[in-house]
Amino acid sequence: MTATTMAADLARAVDPVQLCEVIGMQPDPWQAGVLRSRSPRLLLNCSRQSGKSTVASVAAYHQAHYRPGSLVLLVAPSERQSKELFRNVLTIHRAMGRSGGPGETRTSLELANGSRVVVLPGNESTVRGFSGAALVVLDEASRIDDEIFVAIRPMVAVSGGGLIAMSTPAGPRGWWWEAWTAGGAQWERVEVPASRVPRISEAFLEGERRSLGRWAFAAEYECAFTNMEAAVFSADDLAAVFGE
């Protein structure tokens, strides 16, 4: 390793944002803020296609690569969703010039420094098999059952590990909504509606408004905790009917 590459690697170790360059990513300001956050608990309420999975993958790989012996868990409602996040981690791993070997499987990655990145479906019995996690990333967190989250919390209690819980809202229900609205100062909250994402055009959003309807669009792109099952009429519609 040359002096230049050593300096670059040291810069990445100190500042996770520098790791983005490896995959040709120019992080948005909010993504850089997430990567540089020192909060152990992060709630990311983000629009579809905002880049939340990418930034969480960078955080996961940074933890594993630069903190030897770390256990990083990737959890989602289904194994398929967890594997999608894992693919992003593998992309970074390969961009760092490392791939293959006995430490890489379809659901886990073990690095030479003793760190592991493990894929888990949202299954309580599977989740309970792990402890001492340095970082747990929860994808589609609003769709992860409360029982799963209860099983996850002790994993980081002793280790002092971090939690990144990212999602679009799924209505005013569940642990993720409660954490967002009433979780107190233990959580750092980051809200990223589509209007803050330069890669999403207004023309695309207009098409989505027409296709999805008001309530679904608000949840998917405006970070709103809409109750789509109950909200047959909007507040404006009701006001018009009752003359308010």
C-alpha atoms as a PDB file:
ATOM      1  CA  MET A   1       0.000   0.000   0.000  1.00  0.00           C
ATOM      2  CA  THR A   2       1.449   3.349  -1.071  1.00  0.00           C
ATOM      3  CA  ALA A   3       1.517   6.460   1.063  1.00  0.00           C
ATOM      4  CA  THR A   4      -1.293   7.923  -1.074  1.00  0.00           C
ATOM      5  CA  THR A   5      -3.581   4.935  -0.667  1.00  0.00           C
ATOM      6  CA  MET A   6      -2.805   4.779   3.040  1.00  0.00           C
ATOM      7  CA  ALA A   7      -3.759   8.430   3.393  1.00  0.00           C
ATOM      8  CA  ALA A   8      -6.998   7.849   1.473  1.00  0.00           C
ATOM      9  CA  ASP A   9      -7.858   4.847   3.641  1.00  0.00           C
ATOM     10  CA  LEU A  10      -7.157   6.824   6.803  1.00  0.00           C
ATOM     11  CA  ALA A  11      -9.441   9.597   5.555  1.00  0.00           C
ATOM     12  CA  ARG A  12     -12.224   7.030   5.001  1.00  0.00           C
ATOM     13  CA  ALA A  13     -11.693   5.583   8.456  1.00  0.00           C
ATOM     14  CA  VAL A  14     -12.108   9.007  10.057  1.00  0.00           C
ATOM     15  CA  ASP A  15     -14.909  10.252   7.801  1.00  0.00           C
ATOM     16  CA  PRO A  16     -17.446   7.718   6.448  1.00  0.00           C
ATOM     17  CA  VAL A  17     -18.473  10.205   3.749  1.00  0.00           C
ATOM     18  CA  GLN A  18     -15.121   9.584   2.076  1.00  0.00           C
ATOM     19  CA  LEU A  19     -16.127   5.966   1.553  1.00  0.00           C
ATOM     20  CA  CYS A  20     -18.852   7.143  -0.845  1.00  0.00           C
ATOM     21  CA  GLU A  21     -16.200   8.036  -3.404  1.00  0.00           C
ATOM     22  CA  VAL A  22     -15.283   4.361  -3.722  1.00  0.00           C
ATOM     23  CA  ILE A  23     -18.662   3.633  -5.318  1.00  0.00           C
ATOM     24  CA  GLY A  24     -18.841   6.902  -7.256  1.00  0.00           C
ATOM     25  CA  MET A  25     -21.507   8.326  -4.967  1.00  0.00           C
ATOM     26  CA  GLN A  26     -21.883  12.045  -4.363  1.00  0.00           C
ATOM     27  CA  PRO A  27     -23.892  12.091  -1.126  1.00  0.00           C
ATOM     28  CA  ASP A  28     -26.713  14.547  -0.622  1.00  0.00           C
ATOM     29  CA  PRO A  29     -26.264  16.834   2.409  1.00  0.00           C
ATOM     30  CA  TRP A  30     -28.679  14.762   4.486  1.00  0.00           C
ATOM     31  CA  GLN A  31     -26.810  11.556   3.600  1.00  0.00           C
ATOM     32  CA  ALA A  32     -23.527  13.108   4.677  1.00  0.00           C
ATOM     33  CA  GLY A  33     -25.209  14.165   7.905  1.00  0.00           C
ATOM     34  CA  VAL A  34     -26.372  10.613   8.575  1.00  0.00           C
ATOM     35  CA  LEU A  35     -22.922   9.162   7.955  1.00  0.00           C
ATOM     36  CA  ARG A  36     -21.286  11.709  10.238  1.00  0.00           C
ATOM     37  CA  SER A  37     -23.909  11.475  12.975  1.00  0.00           C
ATOM     38  CA  ARG A  38     -22.711  10.364  16.391  1.00  0.00           C
ATOM     39  CA  SER A  39     -26.195   9.421  17.529  1.00  0.00           C
ATOM     40  CA  PRO A  40     -26.571   5.733  18.446  1.00  0.00           C
ATOM     41  CA  ARG A  41     -30.230   5.757  17.363  1.00  0.00           C
ATOM     42  CA  LEU A  42     -31.289   7.039  13.947  1.00  0.00           C
ATOM     43  CA  LEU A  43     -34.775   7.153  12.442  1.00  0.00           C
ATOM     44  CA  LEU A  44     -34.757   7.849   8.706  1.00  0.00           C
ATOM     45  CA  ASN A  45     -38.218   8.775   7.428  1.00  0.00           C
ATOM     46  CA  CYS A  46     -37.389   8.971   3.746  1.00  0.00           C
ATOM     47  CA  SER A  47     -39.154   9.065   0.403  1.00  0.00           C
ATOM     48  CA  ARG A  48     -38.932   6.223  -2.054  1.00  0.00           C
ATOM     49  CA  GLN A  49     -35.781   6.457  -4.185  1.00  0.00           C
ATOM     50  CA  SER A  50     -34.200   8.923  -1.766  1.00  0.00           C
ATOM     51  CA  GLY A  51     -31.023   6.879  -1.319  1.00  0.00           C
ATOM     52  CA  LYS A  52     -31.708   5.686   2.222  1.00  0.00           C
ATOM     53  CA  SER A  53     -30.670   2.104   1.475  1.00  0.00           C
ATOM     54  CA  THR A  54     -27.428   3.254  -0.117  1.00  0.00           C
ATOM     55  CA  VAL A  55     -26.424   5.484   2.777  1.00  0.00           C
ATOM     56  CA  ALA A  56     -27.290   2.769   5.316  1.00  0.00           C
ATOM     57  CA  SER A  57     -25.161   0.301   3.355  1.00  0.00           C
ATOM     58  CA  VAL A  58     -22.209   2.696   3.472  1.00  0.00           C
ATOM     59  CA  ALA A  59     -22.661   3.060   7.229  1.00  0.00           C
ATOM     60  CA  ALA A  60     -22.861  -0.725   7.626  1.00  0.00           C
ATOM     61  CA  TYR A  61     -19.739  -1.428   5.607  1.00  0.00           C
ATOM     62  CA  HIS A  62     -17.811   1.384   7.274  1.00  0.00           C
ATOM     63  CA  GLN A  63     -18.579  -0.117  10.679  1.00  0.00           C
ATOM     64  CA  ALA A  64     -17.493  -3.594   9.589  1.00  0.00           C
ATOM     65  CA  HIS A  65     -14.375  -2.545   7.687  1.00  0.00           C
ATOM     66  CA  TYR A  66     -12.958   0.047  10.063  1.00  0.00           C
ATOM     67  CA  ARG A  67     -14.055  -1.387  13.418  1.00  0.00           C
ATOM     68  CA  PRO A  68     -12.506  -4.879  13.726  1.00  0.00           C
ATOM     69  CA  GLY A  69     -14.647  -7.568  15.281  1.00  0.00           C
ATOM     70  CA  SER A  70     -17.927  -5.788  14.605  1.00  0.00           C
ATOM     71  CA  LEU A  71     -21.183  -7.681  14.143  1.00  0.00           C
ATOM     72  CA  VAL A  72     -23.467  -5.814  11.730  1.00  0.00           C
ATOM     73  CA  LEU A  73     -27.004  -7.129  11.235  1.00  0.00           C
ATOM     74  CA  LEU A  74     -29.233  -6.259   8.275  1.00  0.00           C
ATOM     75  CA  VAL A  75     -32.882  -6.832   9.150  1.00  0.00           C
ATOM     76  CA  ALA A  76     -35.996  -6.401   7.006  1.00  0.00           C
ATOM     77  CA  PRO A  77     -39.521  -7.845   6.980  1.00  0.00           C
ATOM     78  CA  SER A  78     -38.394 -10.555   4.546  1.00  0.00           C
ATOM     79  CA  GLU A  79     -35.085 -12.196   3.676  1.00  0.00           C
ATOM     80  CA  ARG A  80     -35.442 -10.973   0.093  1.00  0.00           C
ATOM     81  CA  GLN A  81     -35.516  -7.360   1.295  1.00  0.00           C
ATOM     82  CA  SER A  82     -32.537  -7.934   3.591  1.00  0.00           C
ATOM     83  CA  LYS A  83     -30.581  -9.413   0.693  1.00  0.00           C
ATOM     84  CA  GLU A  84     -31.213  -6.320  -1.418  1.00  0.00           C
ATOM     85  CA  LEU A  85     -29.519  -4.241   1.270  1.00  0.00           C
ATOM     86  CA  PHE A  86     -26.737  -6.820   1.514  1.00  0.00           C
ATOM     87  CA  ARG A  87     -26.072  -6.503  -2.230  1.00  0.00           C
ATOM     88  CA  ASN A  88     -25.304  -2.834  -1.677  1.00  0.00           C
ATOM     89  CA  VAL A  89     -22.812  -3.782   1.034  1.00  0.00           C
ATOM     90  CA  LEU A  90     -21.152  -6.290  -1.304  1.00  0.00           C
ATOM     91  CA  THR A  91     -20.913  -3.621  -4.014  1.00  0.00           C
ATOM     92  CA  ILE A  92     -18.858  -1.464  -1.643  1.00  0.00           C
ATOM     93  CA  HIS A  93     -16.782  -4.459  -0.559  1.00  0.00           C
ATOM     94  CA  ARG A  94     -15.896  -5.262  -4.169  1.00  0.00           C
ATOM     95  CA  ALA A  95     -15.233  -1.628  -4.999  1.00  0.00           C
ATOM     96  CA  MET A  96     -12.658  -1.736  -2.198  1.00  0.00           C
ATOM     97  CA  GLY A  97     -10.895  -4.456  -4.189  1.00  0.00           C
ATOM     98  CA  ARG A  98     -12.123  -7.366  -2.102  1.00  0.00           C
ATOM     99  CA  SER A  99     -14.461 -10.136  -3.207  1.00  0.00           C
ATOM    100  CA  GLY A 100     -15.043 -13.832  -3.063  1.00  0.00           C
ATOM    101  CA  GLY A 101     -13.352 -16.106  -0.569  1.00  0.00           C
ATOM    102  CA  PRO A 102     -14.764 -18.404   2.100  1.00  0.00           C
ATOM    103  CA  GLY A 103     -16.013 -15.463   4.141  1.00  0.00           C
ATOM    104  CA  GLU A 104     -18.589 -14.412   1.548  1.00  0.00           C
ATOM    105  CA  THR A 105     -21.912 -16.223   1.191  1.00  0.00           C
ATOM    106  CA  ARG A 106     -25.366 -15.281  -0.040  1.00  0.00           C
ATOM    107  CA  THR A 107     -26.394 -14.098   3.424  1.00  0.00           C
ATOM    108  CA  SER A 108     -23.211 -13.115   5.231  1.00  0.00           C
ATOM    109  CA  LEU A 109     -19.825 -11.508   4.812  1.00  0.00           C
ATOM    110  CA  GLU A 110     -16.885 -12.144   7.130  1.00  0.00           C
ATOM    111  CA  LEU A 111     -13.934  -9.802   6.807  1.00  0.00           C
ATOM    112  CA  ALA A 112     -10.307 -10.539   7.569  1.00  0.00           C
ATOM    113  CA  ASN A 113     -10.501  -8.252  10.610  1.00  0.00           C
ATOM    114  CA  GLY A 114     -13.080 -10.514  12.252  1.00  0.00           C
ATOM    115  CA  SER A 115     -16.110  -8.347  11.454  1.00  0.00           C
ATOM    116  CA  ARG A 116     -19.283  -9.909  10.108  1.00  0.00           C
ATOM    117  CA  VAL A 117     -22.252  -8.558   8.141  1.00  0.00           C
ATOM    118  CA  VAL A 118     -25.249 -10.886   8.437  1.00  0.00           C
ATOM    119  CA  VAL A 119     -28.608 -10.873   6.628  1.00  0.00           C
ATOM    120  CA  LEU A 120     -31.691 -11.626   8.725  1.00  0.00           C
ATOM    121  CA  PRO A 121     -35.372 -11.846   7.825  1.00  0.00           C
ATOM    122  CA  GLY A 122     -37.932 -10.319  10.168  1.00  0.00           C
ATOM    123  CA  ASN A 123     -38.335 -13.510  12.165  1.00  0.00           C
ATOM    124  CA  GLU A 124     -38.261 -13.365  15.953  1.00  0.00           C
ATOM    125  CA  SER A 125     -36.668 -16.786  16.480  1.00  0.00           C
ATOM    126  CA  THR A 126     -33.888 -16.023  13.979  1.00  0.00           C
ATOM    127  CA  VAL A 127     -33.193 -12.579  15.389  1.00  0.00           C
ATOM    128  CA  ARG A 128     -32.902 -13.892  18.951  1.00  0.00           C
ATOM    129  CA  GLY A 129     -29.923 -15.999  17.932  1.00  0.00           C
ATOM    130  CA  PHE A 130     -27.578 -13.003  17.923  1.00  0.00           C
ATOM    131  CA  SER A 131     -26.151 -10.707  20.582  1.00  0.00           C
ATOM    132  CA  GLY A 132     -23.539  -7.997  20.957  1.00  0.00           C
ATOM    133  CA  ALA A 133     -24.266  -6.271  17.668  1.00  0.00           C
ATOM    134  CA  ALA A 134     -22.187  -3.186  16.872  1.00  0.00           C
ATOM    135  CA  LEU A 135     -24.802  -1.953  14.397  1.00  0.00           C
ATOM    136  CA  VAL A 136     -28.298  -3.079  13.433  1.00  0.00           C
ATOM    137  CA  VAL A 137     -29.823  -1.701  10.236  1.00  0.00           C
ATOM    138  CA  LEU A 138     -33.600  -2.044   9.959  1.00  0.00           C
ATOM    139  CA  ASP A 139     -34.926  -1.649   6.418  1.00  0.00           C
ATOM    140  CA  GLU A 140     -38.646  -1.012   5.804  1.00  0.00           C
ATOM    141  CA  ALA A 141     -38.725  -0.499   9.558  1.00  0.00           C
ATOM    142  CA  SER A 142     -42.367   0.584   9.679  1.00  0.00           C
ATOM    143  CA  ARG A 143     -43.282  -2.906   8.388  1.00  0.00           C
ATOM    144  CA  ILE A 144     -41.184  -4.766  10.970  1.00  0.00           C
ATOM    145  CA  ASP A 145     -43.432  -6.184  13.694  1.00  0.00           C
ATOM    146  CA  ASP A 146     -43.253  -4.806  17.207  1.00  0.00           C
ATOM    147  CA  GLU A 147     -42.250  -8.254  18.515  1.00  0.00           C
ATOM    148  CA  ILE A 148     -39.195  -8.270  16.246  1.00  0.00           C
ATOM    149  CA  PHE A 149     -38.099  -4.856  17.468  1.00  0.00           C
ATOM    150  CA  VAL A 150     -38.493  -5.970  21.083  1.00  0.00           C
ATOM    151  CA  ALA A 151     -36.211  -8.926  20.304  1.00  0.00           C
ATOM    152  CA  ILE A 152     -33.644  -6.662  18.622  1.00  0.00           C
ATOM    153  CA  ARG A 153     -33.246  -4.036  21.360  1.00  0.00           C
ATOM    154  CA  PRO A 154     -31.287  -6.255  23.811  1.00  0.00           C
ATOM    155  CA  MET A 155     -28.692  -6.965  21.093  1.00  0.00           C
ATOM    156  CA  VAL A 156     -27.287  -3.476  21.459  1.00  0.00           C
ATOM    157  CA  ALA A 157     -27.974  -2.975  25.181  1.00  0.00           C
ATOM    158  CA  VAL A 158     -24.675  -4.386  26.433  1.00  0.00           C
ATOM    159  CA  SER A 159     -22.550  -3.669  23.361  1.00  0.00           C
ATOM    160  CA  GLY A 160     -23.699  -0.065  23.120  1.00  0.00           C
ATOM    161  CA  GLY A 161     -24.254  -0.664  19.421  1.00  0.00           C
ATOM    162  CA  GLY A 162     -26.124   1.564  17.019  1.00  0.00           C
ATOM    163  CA  LEU A 163     -29.531   1.318  15.377  1.00  0.00           C
ATOM    164  CA  ILE A 164     -30.470   2.739  12.000  1.00  0.00           C
ATOM    165  CA  ALA A 165     -34.190   2.318  11.312  1.00  0.00           C
ATOM    166  CA  MET A 166     -35.230   3.540   7.870  1.00  0.00           C
ATOM    167  CA  SER A 167     -38.558   3.440   6.114  1.00  0.00           C
ATOM    168  CA  THR A 168     -41.450   5.151   4.475  1.00  0.00           C
ATOM    169  CA  PRO A 169     -44.408   5.453   6.862  1.00  0.00           C
ATOM    170  CA  ALA A 170     -47.063   2.734   7.099  1.00  0.00           C
ATOM    171  CA  GLY A 171     -49.687   4.775   8.905  1.00  0.00           C
ATOM    172  CA  PRO A 172     -49.997   5.883  12.540  1.00  0.00           C
ATOM    173  CA  ARG A 173     -49.255   2.501  14.092  1.00  0.00           C
ATOM    174  CA  GLY A 174     -46.412   0.320  15.303  1.00  0.00           C
ATOM    175  CA  TRP A 175     -43.119   0.857  17.110  1.00  0.00           C
ATOM    176  CA  TRP A 176     -41.551   2.934  14.326  1.00  0.00           C
ATOM    177  CA  TRP A 177     -44.371   5.476  14.321  1.00  0.00           C
ATOM    178  CA  GLU A 178     -44.294   5.599  18.120  1.00  0.00           C
ATOM    179  CA  ALA A 179     -40.523   6.145  18.088  1.00  0.00           C
ATOM    180  CA  TRP A 180     -40.900   8.920  15.512  1.00  0.00           C
ATOM    181  CA  THR A 181     -43.713  10.735  17.307  1.00  0.00           C
ATOM    182  CA  ALA A 182     -43.006   9.997  20.969  1.00  0.00           C
ATOM    183  CA  GLY A 183     -39.618   8.311  21.220  1.00  0.00           C
ATOM    184  CA  GLY A 184     -37.980  11.257  22.900  1.00  0.00           C
ATOM    185  CA  ALA A 185     -34.413  12.503  22.645  1.00  0.00           C
ATOM    186  CA  GLN A 186     -32.902   9.009  22.417  1.00  0.00           C
ATOM    187  CA  TRP A 187     -33.626   9.077  18.668  1.00  0.00           C
ATOM    188  CA  GLU A 188     -32.181  11.385  16.050  1.00  0.00           C
ATOM    189  CA  ARG A 189     -34.822  11.902  13.373  1.00  0.00           C
ATOM    190  CA  VAL A 190     -34.122  12.637   9.709  1.00  0.00           C
ATOM    191  CA  GLU A 191     -37.007  13.386   7.347  1.00  0.00           C
ATOM    192  CA  VAL A 192     -36.374  13.402   3.600  1.00  0.00           C
ATOM    193  CA  PRO A 193     -39.421  14.001   1.388  1.00  0.00           C
ATOM    194  CA  ALA A 194     -39.035  13.645  -2.369  1.00  0.00           C
ATOM    195  CA  SER A 195     -38.786  17.422  -2.689  1.00  0.00           C
ATOM    196  CA  ARG A 196     -35.334  17.198  -1.055  1.00  0.00           C
ATOM    197  CA  VAL A 197     -34.054  14.591  -3.513  1.00  0.00           C
ATOM    198  CA  PRO A 198     -32.555  16.243  -6.625  1.00  0.00           C
ATOM    199  CA  ARG A 199     -32.646  12.983  -8.607  1.00  0.00           C
ATOM    200  CA  ILE A 200     -36.461  12.821  -8.501  1.00  0.00           C
ATOM    201  CA  SER A 201     -38.080  15.086 -11.077  1.00  0.00           C
ATOM    202  CA  GLU A 202     -41.315  16.987 -10.574  1.00  0.00           C
ATOM    203  CA  ALA A 203     -42.672  15.364 -13.736  1.00  0.00           C
ATOM    204  CA  PHE A 204     -42.162  11.926 -12.201  1.00  0.00           C
ATOM    205  CA  LEU A 205     -43.802  12.984  -8.951  1.00  0.00           C
ATOM    206  CA  GLU A 206     -46.794  14.402 -10.787  1.00  0.00           C
ATOM    207  CA  GLY A 207     -47.260  11.067 -12.511  1.00  0.00           C
ATOM    208  CA  GLU A 208     -47.041   9.290  -9.173  1.00  0.00           C
ATOM    209  CA  ARG A 209     -49.656  11.618  -7.664  1.00  0.00           C
ATOM    210  CA  ARG A 210     -52.094  10.709 -10.410  1.00  0.00           C
ATOM    211  CA  SER A 211     -51.316   6.982 -10.258  1.00  0.00           C
ATOM    212  CA  LEU A 212     -51.178   6.436  -6.505  1.00  0.00           C
ATOM    213  CA  GLY A 213     -53.779   8.876  -5.252  1.00  0.00           C
ATOM    214  CA  ARG A 214     -53.424  11.436  -2.492  1.00  0.00           C
ATOM    215  CA  TRP A 215     -52.991   9.173   0.507  1.00  0.00           C
ATOM    216  CA  ALA A 216     -50.547   6.669  -0.931  1.00  0.00           C
ATOM    217  CA  PHE A 217     -48.491   9.441  -2.530  1.00  0.00           C
ATOM    218  CA  ALA A 218     -48.260  11.287   0.792  1.00  0.00           C
ATOM    219  CA  ALA A 219     -46.931   8.168   2.511  1.00  0.00           C
ATOM    220  CA  GLU A 220     -44.526   7.098  -0.229  1.00  0.00           C
ATOM    221  CA  TYR A 221     -43.090  10.490  -1.206  1.00  0.00           C
ATOM    222  CA  GLU A 222     -43.993  13.066   1.459  1.00  0.00           C
ATOM    223  CA  CYS A 223     -43.114  11.096   4.615  1.00  0.00           C
ATOM    224  CA  ALA A 224     -46.682  11.415   5.923  1.00  0.00           C
ATOM    225  CA  PHE A 225     -48.190   8.959   8.405  1.00  0.00           C
ATOM    226  CA  THR A 226     -51.495   8.780   6.532  1.00  0.00           C
ATOM    227  CA  ASN A 227     -54.120   6.267   7.559  1.00  0.00           C
ATOM    228  CA  MET A 228     -54.988   5.130   4.064  1.00  0.00           C
ATOM    229  CA  GLU A 229     -57.424   2.441   5.204  1.00  0.00           C
ATOM    230  CA  ALA A 230     -59.550   4.856   7.209  1.00  0.00           C
ATOM    231  CA  ALA A 231     -59.069   8.042   5.209  1.00  0.00           C
ATOM    232  CA  VAL A 232     -61.821   7.648   2.631  1.00  0.00           C
ATOM    233  CA  PHE A 233     -62.321  11.437   2.644  1.00  0.00           C
ATOM    234  CA  SER A 234     -59.759  14.142   3.249  1.00  0.00           C
ATOM    235  CA  ALA A 235     -60.164  16.861   5.840  1.00  0.00           C
ATOM    236  CA  ASP A 236     -60.809  19.334   3.007  1.00  0.00           C
ATOM    237  CA  ASP A 237     -63.508  17.080   1.523  1.00  0.00           C
ATOM    238  CA  LEU A 238     -65.255  16.780   4.866  1.00  0.00           C
ATOM    239  CA  ALA A 239     -65.035  20.518   5.468  1.00  0.00           C
ATOM    240  CA  ALA A 240     -66.675  21.170   2.093  1.00  0.00           C
ATOM    241  CA  VAL A 241     -69.503  18.721   2.811  1.00  0.00           C
ATOM    242  CA  PHE A 242     -70.271  20.164   6.237  1.00  0.00           C
ATOM    243  CA  GLY A 243     -69.714  23.780   5.220  1.00  0.00           C
ATOM    244  CA  GLU A 244     -66.787  24.341   7.583  1.00  0.00           C
END
